[in-house]
Amino acid sequence: MKVSDQRGREVRFYSDLIKGRVVVISFFFTSCTLVCPIQGRALAKLQSRLAERLGKEVFFVSVSKDPQADTPARLERWGADFGVAPGWTLVTGAEGVMKKLVWDFTGEPLGPQLHTPFLLIGNDRTGVWVEAEGLAPAEEIVGLIDAVSGPAAAR
């Protein structure tokens, strides 16, 4: 399944962003004025808390729920607002691809409607996945990341 990142590069969702990694997956849309900015700030705090681990041991993937509006350029601007650093990828894509991706992970339709902020935290190497409240404190999320990372993360 091919998507585009915030730089406009085409990437394969699973093999380029998830495979063999510990990931934190979130869902958002750039025109959101309620939940998404709060979750963006929470992820920025988590990014700061993880420091050097981000992009090496842990990766963030934020998936747009509004691919019609969320072009790579809009994702890049949104990312700049929240200090997105290497290791945090924002993705959008063709409507059909994003519809399937968002539905498979959330059970929600595409579109800029009110949604519950949550995170999927997983270790693709071990198959261990947990769901977390998307506005939880950074320390709580780091604990979940550490729990799913387990000994396989040291490899």
N, C-alpha and C. Protein backbone atom coordinates (compact mmCIF):
# COMPACT_ATOMS: atom_id res chain seq x y z
N MET A 1 0.85 -1.17 0.00
CA MET A 1 0.00 0.00 0.00
C MET A 1 0.90 1.24 0.00
N LYS A 2 0.85 2.01 -1.06
CA LYS A 2 1.72 3.18 -1.19
C LYS A 2 1.00 4.44 -0.72
N VAL A 3 1.75 5.24 0.04
CA VAL A 3 1.26 6.52 0.54
C VAL A 3 2.35 7.55 0.27
N SER A 4 2.04 8.82 0.55
CA SER A 4 3.03 9.89 0.41
C SER A 4 3.33 10.48 1.77
N ASP A 5 4.60 10.79 2.01
CA ASP A 5 4.96 11.42 3.28
C ASP A 5 4.88 12.94 3.16
N GLN A 6 5.23 13.63 4.23
CA GLN A 6 5.11 15.08 4.27
C GLN A 6 6.09 15.78 3.33
N ARG A 7 7.03 15.07 2.79
CA ARG A 7 7.96 15.66 1.82
C ARG A 7 7.55 15.33 0.38
N GLY A 8 6.43 14.60 0.24
CA GLY A 8 5.94 14.24 -1.08
C GLY A 8 6.56 12.97 -1.63
N ARG A 9 7.37 12.30 -0.81
CA ARG A 9 7.98 11.04 -1.26
C ARG A 9 6.97 9.91 -1.14
N GLU A 10 6.96 9.04 -2.13
CA GLU A 10 6.11 7.86 -2.09
C GLU A 10 6.79 6.80 -1.22
N VAL A 11 6.06 6.26 -0.26
CA VAL A 11 6.58 5.21 0.61
C VAL A 11 5.56 4.10 0.71
N ARG A 12 6.03 2.91 1.01
CA ARG A 12 5.14 1.76 1.23
C ARG A 12 4.80 1.74 2.73
N PHE A 13 3.52 1.80 3.05
CA PHE A 13 3.12 1.95 4.45
C PHE A 13 3.74 0.89 5.35
N TYR A 14 3.57 -0.36 5.01
CA TYR A 14 4.10 -1.39 5.89
C TYR A 14 5.61 -1.54 5.77
N SER A 15 6.11 -1.83 4.58
CA SER A 15 7.52 -2.20 4.48
C SER A 15 8.48 -1.04 4.74
N ASP A 16 8.08 0.19 4.46
CA ASP A 16 8.97 1.32 4.72
C ASP A 16 8.80 1.95 6.10
N LEU A 17 7.60 1.85 6.67
CA LEU A 17 7.32 2.58 7.91
C LEU A 17 7.10 1.71 9.14
N ILE A 18 6.69 0.47 8.96
CA ILE A 18 6.30 -0.38 10.09
C ILE A 18 7.22 -1.60 10.26
N LYS A 19 7.55 -2.24 9.17
CA LYS A 19 8.25 -3.52 9.19
C LYS A 19 9.51 -3.48 10.06
N GLY A 20 9.55 -4.40 11.02
CA GLY A 20 10.72 -4.56 11.88
C GLY A 20 10.93 -3.46 12.89
N ARG A 21 9.95 -2.61 13.10
CA ARG A 21 10.13 -1.43 13.96
C ARG A 21 9.16 -1.42 15.15
N VAL A 22 9.53 -0.60 16.12
CA VAL A 22 8.61 -0.22 17.19
C VAL A 22 8.01 1.10 16.73
N VAL A 23 6.68 1.16 16.64
CA VAL A 23 6.00 2.33 16.09
C VAL A 23 4.88 2.83 16.99
N VAL A 24 4.64 4.13 16.88
CA VAL A 24 3.49 4.77 17.50
C VAL A 24 2.69 5.35 16.34
N ILE A 25 1.48 4.83 16.14
CA ILE A 25 0.64 5.26 15.02
C ILE A 25 -0.50 6.11 15.56
N SER A 26 -0.70 7.27 14.93
CA SER A 26 -1.80 8.16 15.29
C SER A 26 -2.58 8.53 14.03
N PHE A 27 -3.75 9.11 14.24
CA PHE A 27 -4.64 9.49 13.13
C PHE A 27 -5.07 10.94 13.35
N PHE A 28 -5.05 11.74 12.28
CA PHE A 28 -5.32 13.17 12.41
C PHE A 28 -5.77 13.73 11.07
N PHE A 29 -6.13 15.01 11.07
CA PHE A 29 -6.28 15.76 9.83
C PHE A 29 -5.91 17.20 10.12
N THR A 30 -5.28 17.83 9.15
CA THR A 30 -4.66 19.14 9.37
C THR A 30 -5.65 20.26 9.65
N SER A 31 -6.90 20.13 9.21
CA SER A 31 -7.87 21.19 9.45
C SER A 31 -8.59 21.05 10.79
N CYS A 32 -8.29 20.03 11.53
CA CYS A 32 -8.90 19.79 12.83
C CYS A 32 -8.49 20.92 13.79
N THR A 33 -9.47 21.43 14.53
CA THR A 33 -9.18 22.49 15.49
C THR A 33 -9.43 22.05 16.93
N LEU A 34 -9.90 20.83 17.14
CA LEU A 34 -10.18 20.36 18.49
C LEU A 34 -9.13 19.38 19.00
N VAL A 35 -9.28 18.14 18.64
CA VAL A 35 -8.46 17.06 19.18
C VAL A 35 -7.05 17.00 18.57
N CYS A 36 -6.95 17.17 17.28
CA CYS A 36 -5.66 16.95 16.60
C CYS A 36 -4.55 17.90 17.07
N PRO A 37 -4.82 19.19 17.27
CA PRO A 37 -3.74 20.03 17.78
C PRO A 37 -3.28 19.62 19.18
N ILE A 38 -4.22 19.19 20.01
CA ILE A 38 -3.85 18.75 21.36
C ILE A 38 -3.01 17.48 21.26
N GLN A 39 -3.43 16.55 20.41
CA GLN A 39 -2.65 15.32 20.24
C GLN A 39 -1.31 15.63 19.60
N GLY A 40 -1.26 16.57 18.66
CA GLY A 40 0.01 16.98 18.06
C GLY A 40 0.99 17.49 19.11
N ARG A 41 0.48 18.31 20.04
CA ARG A 41 1.35 18.81 21.12
C ARG A 41 1.79 17.67 22.04
N ALA A 42 0.87 16.73 22.31
CA ALA A 42 1.22 15.57 23.16
C ALA A 42 2.30 14.72 22.48
N LEU A 43 2.19 14.52 21.18
CA LEU A 43 3.21 13.75 20.46
C LEU A 43 4.53 14.52 20.41
N ALA A 44 4.46 15.84 20.30
CA ALA A 44 5.69 16.64 20.32
C ALA A 44 6.40 16.49 21.66
N LYS A 45 5.63 16.48 22.76
CA LYS A 45 6.23 16.25 24.09
C LYS A 45 6.84 14.86 24.17
N LEU A 46 6.13 13.87 23.62
CA LEU A 46 6.65 12.51 23.61
C LEU A 46 7.92 12.43 22.78
N GLN A 47 7.93 13.11 21.65
CA GLN A 47 9.12 13.17 20.81
C GLN A 47 10.30 13.74 21.60
N SER A 48 10.09 14.81 22.35
CA SER A 48 11.15 15.40 23.18
C SER A 48 11.60 14.43 24.26
N ARG A 49 10.64 13.76 24.86
CA ARG A 49 10.96 12.81 25.94
C ARG A 49 11.78 11.63 25.41
N LEU A 50 11.46 11.17 24.21
CA LEU A 50 12.20 10.05 23.62
C LEU A 50 13.59 10.46 23.14
N ALA A 51 13.74 11.73 22.79
CA ALA A 51 15.02 12.31 22.35
C ALA A 51 15.68 11.46 21.27
N GLU A 52 16.87 10.96 21.56
CA GLU A 52 17.67 10.22 20.57
C GLU A 52 17.06 8.87 20.17
N ARG A 53 16.11 8.39 20.94
CA ARG A 53 15.48 7.10 20.59
C ARG A 53 14.60 7.23 19.35
N LEU A 54 14.01 8.44 19.14
CA LEU A 54 13.13 8.63 18.00
C LEU A 54 13.94 8.55 16.71
N GLY A 55 13.47 7.72 15.81
CA GLY A 55 14.17 7.54 14.53
C GLY A 55 15.23 6.47 14.57
N LYS A 56 15.50 5.94 15.75
CA LYS A 56 16.47 4.84 15.90
C LYS A 56 15.79 3.61 16.47
N GLU A 57 15.16 3.77 17.64
CA GLU A 57 14.48 2.66 18.31
C GLU A 57 12.96 2.72 18.14
N VAL A 58 12.44 3.94 18.02
CA VAL A 58 10.99 4.17 17.98
C VAL A 58 10.68 5.12 16.84
N PHE A 59 9.59 4.86 16.14
CA PHE A 59 9.18 5.68 15.00
C PHE A 59 7.72 6.08 15.18
N PHE A 60 7.38 7.31 14.79
CA PHE A 60 6.00 7.78 14.80
C PHE A 60 5.49 7.78 13.37
N VAL A 61 4.23 7.38 13.20
CA VAL A 61 3.56 7.47 11.91
C VAL A 61 2.18 8.09 12.18
N SER A 62 1.95 9.27 11.63
CA SER A 62 0.67 9.94 11.77
C SER A 62 -0.05 9.88 10.43
N VAL A 63 -1.25 9.33 10.45
CA VAL A 63 -2.02 9.03 9.23
C VAL A 63 -3.16 10.02 9.08
N SER A 64 -3.22 10.68 7.92
CA SER A 64 -4.29 11.63 7.65
C SER A 64 -5.62 10.92 7.42
N LYS A 65 -6.66 11.47 8.03
CA LYS A 65 -8.02 10.99 7.81
C LYS A 65 -8.74 11.81 6.75
N ASP A 66 -8.05 12.80 6.18
CA ASP A 66 -8.66 13.69 5.19
C ASP A 66 -7.72 13.85 3.99
N PRO A 67 -7.52 12.78 3.21
CA PRO A 67 -6.54 12.85 2.13
C PRO A 67 -6.92 13.82 1.01
N GLN A 68 -8.20 14.16 0.87
CA GLN A 68 -8.58 15.12 -0.15
C GLN A 68 -7.98 16.49 0.14
N ALA A 69 -7.91 16.88 1.39
CA ALA A 69 -7.37 18.19 1.78
C ALA A 69 -5.90 18.11 2.19
N ASP A 70 -5.52 16.99 2.77
CA ASP A 70 -4.17 16.88 3.34
C ASP A 70 -3.14 16.45 2.30
N THR A 71 -2.67 17.42 1.57
CA THR A 71 -1.58 17.19 0.61
C THR A 71 -0.27 17.08 1.38
N PRO A 72 0.77 16.56 0.75
CA PRO A 72 2.07 16.56 1.43
C PRO A 72 2.48 17.95 1.92
N ALA A 73 2.20 19.00 1.15
CA ALA A 73 2.56 20.36 1.57
C ALA A 73 1.82 20.76 2.84
N ARG A 74 0.53 20.40 2.95
CA ARG A 74 -0.22 20.70 4.18
C ARG A 74 0.32 19.89 5.35
N LEU A 75 0.67 18.64 5.09
CA LEU A 75 1.26 17.82 6.16
C LEU A 75 2.57 18.43 6.63
N GLU A 76 3.36 18.90 5.70
CA GLU A 76 4.65 19.49 6.07
C GLU A 76 4.45 20.75 6.92
N ARG A 77 3.49 21.59 6.57
CA ARG A 77 3.21 22.78 7.37
C ARG A 77 2.72 22.40 8.77
N TRP A 78 1.82 21.42 8.83
CA TRP A 78 1.32 20.95 10.13
C TRP A 78 2.49 20.40 10.95
N GLY A 79 3.34 19.63 10.30
CA GLY A 79 4.51 19.08 11.00
C GLY A 79 5.42 20.16 11.53
N ALA A 80 5.61 21.22 10.76
CA ALA A 80 6.46 22.34 11.22
C ALA A 80 5.86 22.98 12.47
N ASP A 81 4.54 23.07 12.52
CA ASP A 81 3.87 23.66 13.69
C ASP A 81 4.12 22.85 14.96
N PHE A 82 4.33 21.56 14.81
CA PHE A 82 4.51 20.69 15.97
C PHE A 82 5.94 20.18 16.12
N GLY A 83 6.85 20.71 15.34
CA GLY A 83 8.26 20.34 15.48
C GLY A 83 8.57 18.91 15.10
N VAL A 84 7.87 18.39 14.09
CA VAL A 84 8.11 17.02 13.65
C VAL A 84 9.57 16.86 13.23
N ALA A 85 10.23 15.88 13.83
CA ALA A 85 11.65 15.62 13.59
C ALA A 85 11.82 14.31 12.83
N PRO A 86 13.03 14.03 12.34
CA PRO A 86 13.27 12.74 11.69
C PRO A 86 12.85 11.59 12.62
N GLY A 87 12.18 10.62 12.03
CA GLY A 87 11.63 9.52 12.80
C GLY A 87 10.13 9.63 12.99
N TRP A 88 9.57 10.80 12.61
CA TRP A 88 8.12 11.03 12.70
C TRP A 88 7.65 11.30 11.28
N THR A 89 6.89 10.38 10.72
CA THR A 89 6.40 10.49 9.34
C THR A 89 4.91 10.75 9.33
N LEU A 90 4.50 11.74 8.56
CA LEU A 90 3.09 12.05 8.35
C LEU A 90 2.72 11.51 6.98
N VAL A 91 1.59 10.83 6.86
CA VAL A 91 1.24 10.24 5.57
C VAL A 91 -0.16 10.59 5.11
N THR A 92 -0.28 10.67 3.79
CA THR A 92 -1.53 10.87 3.09
C THR A 92 -1.45 10.03 1.82
N GLY A 93 -2.49 10.04 1.02
CA GLY A 93 -2.44 9.26 -0.20
C GLY A 93 -3.74 9.31 -0.97
N ALA A 94 -3.85 8.45 -1.94
CA ALA A 94 -5.07 8.35 -2.73
C ALA A 94 -6.24 7.99 -1.81
N GLU A 95 -7.39 8.53 -2.11
CA GLU A 95 -8.54 8.34 -1.24
C GLU A 95 -8.84 6.86 -0.98
N GLY A 96 -8.81 6.03 -2.01
CA GLY A 96 -9.11 4.62 -1.82
C GLY A 96 -8.11 3.92 -0.90
N VAL A 97 -6.86 4.25 -1.05
CA VAL A 97 -5.81 3.68 -0.19
C VAL A 97 -6.00 4.12 1.25
N MET A 98 -6.23 5.41 1.44
CA MET A 98 -6.36 5.94 2.80
C MET A 98 -7.65 5.45 3.45
N LYS A 99 -8.71 5.29 2.66
CA LYS A 99 -9.97 4.78 3.20
C LYS A 99 -9.76 3.39 3.80
N LYS A 100 -9.07 2.52 3.06
CA LYS A 100 -8.79 1.17 3.55
C LYS A 100 -7.87 1.21 4.77
N LEU A 101 -6.82 2.00 4.69
CA LEU A 101 -5.84 2.09 5.78
C LEU A 101 -6.50 2.57 7.07
N VAL A 102 -7.24 3.66 6.99
CA VAL A 102 -7.89 4.21 8.18
C VAL A 102 -8.94 3.23 8.71
N TRP A 103 -9.73 2.65 7.83
CA TRP A 103 -10.76 1.71 8.27
C TRP A 103 -10.14 0.48 8.94
N ASP A 104 -9.08 -0.06 8.34
CA ASP A 104 -8.46 -1.26 8.89
C ASP A 104 -7.90 -1.02 10.29
N PHE A 105 -7.38 0.17 10.55
CA PHE A 105 -6.80 0.46 11.86
C PHE A 105 -7.81 0.99 12.87
N THR A 106 -8.79 1.77 12.42
CA THR A 106 -9.66 2.46 13.36
C THR A 106 -11.12 2.03 13.32
N GLY A 107 -11.56 1.45 12.20
CA GLY A 107 -12.96 1.15 12.04
C GLY A 107 -13.78 2.40 11.78
N GLU A 108 -13.11 3.51 11.47
CA GLU A 108 -13.77 4.78 11.20
C GLU A 108 -13.66 5.13 9.72
N PRO A 109 -14.62 5.89 9.22
CA PRO A 109 -14.52 6.33 7.83
C PRO A 109 -13.53 7.49 7.70
N LEU A 110 -13.15 7.77 6.48
CA LEU A 110 -12.34 8.95 6.21
C LEU A 110 -13.17 10.20 6.45
N GLY A 111 -12.51 11.30 6.61
CA GLY A 111 -13.19 12.58 6.68
C GLY A 111 -12.83 13.37 7.91
N PRO A 112 -13.04 14.67 7.80
CA PRO A 112 -12.67 15.56 8.91
C PRO A 112 -13.77 15.67 9.96
N GLN A 113 -14.16 14.55 10.52
CA GLN A 113 -15.18 14.57 11.56
C GLN A 113 -14.52 14.37 12.92
N LEU A 114 -15.25 14.70 13.95
CA LEU A 114 -14.77 14.52 15.31
C LEU A 114 -14.39 13.06 15.51
N HIS A 115 -13.25 12.84 16.14
CA HIS A 115 -12.81 11.48 16.37
C HIS A 115 -12.10 11.40 17.71
N THR A 116 -12.00 10.19 18.22
CA THR A 116 -11.35 9.96 19.50
C THR A 116 -9.85 9.83 19.29
N PRO A 117 -9.06 10.58 20.04
CA PRO A 117 -7.61 10.45 19.88
C PRO A 117 -7.10 9.18 20.55
N PHE A 118 -6.46 8.36 19.78
CA PHE A 118 -5.83 7.18 20.36
C PHE A 118 -4.56 6.88 19.58
N LEU A 119 -3.72 6.08 20.20
CA LEU A 119 -2.45 5.67 19.61
C LEU A 119 -2.41 4.16 19.55
N LEU A 120 -1.83 3.65 18.50
CA LEU A 120 -1.49 2.23 18.43
C LEU A 120 0.01 2.17 18.59
N ILE A 121 0.45 1.40 19.55
CA ILE A 121 1.88 1.26 19.83
C ILE A 121 2.22 -0.19 19.62
N GLY A 122 3.16 -0.44 18.72
CA GLY A 122 3.44 -1.84 18.41
C GLY A 122 4.89 -2.11 18.10
N ASN A 123 5.21 -3.37 18.23
CA ASN A 123 6.53 -3.88 17.89
C ASN A 123 6.32 -4.91 16.78
N ASP A 124 6.65 -4.54 15.57
CA ASP A 124 6.42 -5.44 14.45
C ASP A 124 7.26 -6.71 14.55
N ARG A 125 8.41 -6.62 15.17
CA ARG A 125 9.28 -7.82 15.30
C ARG A 125 8.65 -8.89 16.17
N THR A 126 7.95 -8.46 17.24
CA THR A 126 7.39 -9.43 18.18
C THR A 126 5.89 -9.63 18.00
N GLY A 127 5.23 -8.69 17.28
CA GLY A 127 3.79 -8.78 17.11
C GLY A 127 3.00 -8.26 18.31
N VAL A 128 3.68 -7.61 19.26
CA VAL A 128 3.00 -7.07 20.43
C VAL A 128 2.50 -5.66 20.11
N TRP A 129 1.18 -5.45 20.28
CA TRP A 129 0.54 -4.16 20.01
C TRP A 129 -0.37 -3.81 21.17
N VAL A 130 -0.41 -2.52 21.51
CA VAL A 130 -1.34 -2.03 22.52
C VAL A 130 -1.97 -0.74 22.01
N GLU A 131 -3.12 -0.42 22.57
CA GLU A 131 -3.78 0.83 22.24
C GLU A 131 -3.64 1.74 23.45
N ALA A 132 -3.45 3.03 23.20
CA ALA A 132 -3.31 4.00 24.29
C ALA A 132 -4.17 5.21 24.01
N GLU A 133 -4.55 5.90 25.06
CA GLU A 133 -5.30 7.14 24.95
C GLU A 133 -4.36 8.17 24.33
N GLY A 134 -4.80 8.83 23.29
CA GLY A 134 -3.94 9.72 22.52
C GLY A 134 -3.48 10.97 23.23
N LEU A 135 -4.10 11.31 24.35
CA LEU A 135 -3.70 12.51 25.09
C LEU A 135 -3.05 12.15 26.42
N ALA A 136 -2.66 10.89 26.57
CA ALA A 136 -2.03 10.45 27.81
C ALA A 136 -0.69 11.16 28.00
N PRO A 137 -0.26 11.32 29.25
CA PRO A 137 1.03 11.96 29.50
C PRO A 137 2.19 11.19 28.84
N ALA A 138 3.21 11.93 28.44
CA ALA A 138 4.36 11.34 27.75
C ALA A 138 4.96 10.18 28.54
N GLU A 139 5.09 10.33 29.85
CA GLU A 139 5.70 9.26 30.66
C GLU A 139 4.90 7.95 30.57
N GLU A 140 3.58 8.07 30.52
CA GLU A 140 2.73 6.88 30.40
C GLU A 140 2.96 6.20 29.05
N ILE A 141 3.05 6.98 28.00
CA ILE A 141 3.27 6.43 26.66
C ILE A 141 4.66 5.82 26.56
N VAL A 142 5.66 6.46 27.15
CA VAL A 142 7.02 5.89 27.15
C VAL A 142 7.01 4.53 27.84
N GLY A 143 6.26 4.40 28.93
CA GLY A 143 6.14 3.11 29.61
C GLY A 143 5.55 2.04 28.71
N LEU A 144 4.54 2.41 27.92
CA LEU A 144 3.95 1.45 26.98
C LEU A 144 4.92 1.11 25.85
N ILE A 145 5.63 2.11 25.36
CA ILE A 145 6.64 1.86 24.33
C ILE A 145 7.69 0.89 24.86
N ASP A 146 8.15 1.14 26.09
CA ASP A 146 9.16 0.25 26.68
C ASP A 146 8.61 -1.16 26.87
N ALA A 147 7.34 -1.26 27.24
CA ALA A 147 6.74 -2.58 27.45
C ALA A 147 6.64 -3.37 26.16
N VAL A 148 6.26 -2.71 25.04
CA VAL A 148 6.16 -3.45 23.79
C VAL A 148 7.52 -3.67 23.15
N SER A 149 8.49 -2.82 23.48
CA SER A 149 9.82 -2.95 22.88
C SER A 149 10.50 -4.24 23.32
N GLY A 150 10.43 -4.52 24.60
CA GLY A 150 11.00 -5.74 25.13
C GLY A 150 12.44 -5.98 24.68
N PRO A 151 12.93 -7.18 24.89
CA PRO A 151 14.31 -7.49 24.55
C PRO A 151 14.60 -7.44 23.05
N ALA A 152 13.57 -7.56 22.22
CA ALA A 152 13.79 -7.55 20.77
C ALA A 152 14.31 -6.19 20.29
N ALA A 153 14.02 -5.12 21.04
CA ALA A 153 14.44 -3.78 20.64
C ALA A 153 15.96 -3.63 20.73
N ALA A 154 16.60 -4.45 21.53
CA ALA A 154 18.04 -4.35 21.71
C ALA A 154 18.80 -4.97 20.54
N ARG A 155 18.11 -5.71 19.69
CA ARG A 155 18.77 -6.37 18.56
C ARG A 155 19.21 -5.39 17.51
